[in-house]
Amino acid sequence: MIRGERRAMIRSDIPGLSLSRQCQILSISRSSIYYRPRGESRENLALMRRIDELFLKYPFYGSRQMVHHLAREGLRVGRHRIRRDNVKNVNIGSKTGHDVGVKTRQSRMI
């Protein structure tokens, strides 16, 4: 049984069986029944949209070039945030180097 199914089995209206005990029986953490995921903030959505626009215009930009370009626009963003929030989520990154197909010594000899 997957975690989501087990979490759905927990009910607060069972007398004599506390939420803590139900979580213990189902082998899930008690904090997971209270967790409610938050959506993205407006600022973060605007930033991700801008990075997407820039990536479409400059597909060869990596996270460092993207940081410098955004800094010129007045947006202070760290390189690791760009990598975490955008590069991994929308699969962007520099299209140079071994991604393009660097030839090995063996392939040049043929």
Protein backbone atom coordinates (compact mmCIF):
# COMPACT_ATOMS: atom_id res chain seq x y z
CA MET A 1 0.00 0.00 0.00
CA ILE A 2 1.45 3.39 -0.97
CA ARG A 3 1.81 6.26 1.49
CA GLY A 4 -1.04 8.31 0.00
CA GLU A 5 -3.47 5.43 0.47
CA ARG A 6 -2.34 4.93 4.05
CA ARG A 7 -2.69 8.62 4.77
CA ALA A 8 -6.23 8.59 3.39
CA MET A 9 -7.14 5.84 5.89
CA ILE A 10 -6.57 8.10 8.90
CA ARG A 11 -9.75 9.41 10.44
CA SER A 12 -10.15 11.78 13.35
CA ASP A 13 -13.64 10.59 14.29
CA ILE A 14 -12.63 7.18 15.70
CA PRO A 15 -13.04 7.28 19.50
CA GLY A 16 -10.34 5.56 21.49
CA LEU A 17 -7.81 5.58 18.62
CA SER A 18 -5.73 8.72 18.52
CA LEU A 19 -4.18 10.17 15.40
CA SER A 20 -0.73 9.35 16.79
CA ARG A 21 -1.66 5.70 17.23
CA GLN A 22 -3.21 5.49 13.76
CA CYS A 23 -0.03 6.91 12.24
CA GLN A 24 2.06 4.45 14.21
CA ILE A 25 -0.08 1.51 13.03
CA LEU A 26 0.09 2.66 9.39
CA SER A 27 3.84 3.41 9.60
CA ILE A 28 3.63 7.04 8.52
CA SER A 29 4.91 10.11 10.28
CA ARG A 30 2.39 12.13 12.23
CA SER A 31 3.52 15.38 10.61
CA SER A 32 2.55 14.06 7.17
CA ILE A 33 -1.15 14.13 8.04
CA TYR A 34 -0.96 17.85 8.80
CA TYR A 35 1.17 18.81 5.79
CA ARG A 36 -0.51 20.96 3.15
CA PRO A 37 1.66 21.83 0.16
CA ARG A 38 1.91 25.51 -0.69
CA GLY A 39 1.80 26.83 -4.20
CA GLU A 40 4.51 28.95 -5.76
CA SER A 41 4.64 32.64 -4.88
CA ARG A 42 3.84 35.27 -7.50
CA GLU A 43 7.42 36.53 -7.40
CA ASN A 44 8.83 33.06 -7.98
CA LEU A 45 6.41 32.40 -10.83
CA ALA A 46 7.38 35.70 -12.46
CA LEU A 47 11.06 34.84 -12.05
CA MET A 48 10.60 31.38 -13.54
CA ARG A 49 8.65 32.87 -16.45
CA ARG A 50 11.45 35.39 -17.10
CA ILE A 51 14.10 32.66 -16.98
CA ASP A 52 12.07 30.59 -19.45
CA GLU A 53 11.86 33.59 -21.78
CA LEU A 54 15.60 34.16 -21.53
CA PHE A 55 16.36 30.53 -22.10
CA LEU A 56 14.28 30.50 -25.27
CA LYS A 57 16.21 33.53 -26.47
CA TYR A 58 19.62 32.28 -25.27
CA PRO A 59 19.50 28.45 -25.16
CA PHE A 60 23.26 28.25 -24.60
CA TYR A 61 23.07 30.04 -21.22
CA GLY A 62 23.90 28.01 -18.18
CA SER A 63 23.02 28.99 -14.64
CA ARG A 64 25.98 31.39 -14.29
CA GLN A 65 25.23 33.33 -17.46
CA MET A 66 21.58 33.42 -16.47
CA VAL A 67 22.51 34.96 -13.10
CA HIS A 68 24.63 37.64 -14.79
CA HIS A 69 21.89 38.44 -17.30
CA LEU A 70 19.26 38.73 -14.56
CA ALA A 71 21.62 40.92 -12.50
CA ARG A 72 21.86 43.34 -15.44
CA GLU A 73 18.06 43.52 -15.34
CA GLY A 74 18.14 44.32 -11.63
CA LEU A 75 17.09 40.90 -10.36
CA ARG A 76 19.33 39.46 -7.65
CA VAL A 77 19.13 35.69 -7.85
CA GLY A 78 21.67 33.11 -6.77
CA ARG A 79 23.04 30.56 -9.21
CA HIS A 80 21.94 27.65 -7.08
CA ARG A 81 18.37 28.92 -6.97
CA ILE A 82 18.29 29.05 -10.75
CA ARG A 83 19.64 25.52 -10.93
CA ARG A 84 17.25 24.20 -8.30
CA ASP A 85 14.08 26.01 -9.32
CA ASN A 86 14.44 26.10 -13.06
CA VAL A 87 17.19 24.05 -14.60
CA LYS A 88 15.99 20.83 -13.01
CA ASN A 89 12.26 21.58 -13.29
CA VAL A 90 12.16 22.58 -16.94
CA ASN A 91 15.29 20.75 -18.05
CA ILE A 92 17.28 23.75 -19.17
CA GLY A 93 21.02 24.05 -19.20
CA SER A 94 23.90 24.88 -21.42
CA LYS A 95 23.90 23.06 -24.76
CA THR A 96 27.65 23.12 -25.23
CA GLY A 97 30.51 20.77 -24.48
CA HIS A 98 29.85 17.07 -24.27
CA ASP A 99 26.10 17.61 -24.72
CA VAL A 100 26.74 18.52 -28.34
CA GLY A 101 28.95 15.51 -28.96
CA VAL A 102 32.64 15.84 -28.29
CA LYS A 103 34.58 13.40 -30.44
CA THR A 104 36.84 10.93 -28.74
CA ARG A 105 40.28 10.02 -29.94
CA GLN A 106 38.99 6.66 -31.18
CA SER A 107 36.26 8.23 -33.31
CA ARG A 108 38.74 10.66 -34.93
CA MET A 109 41.01 7.81 -35.99
CA ILE A 110 38.32 6.15 -38.09
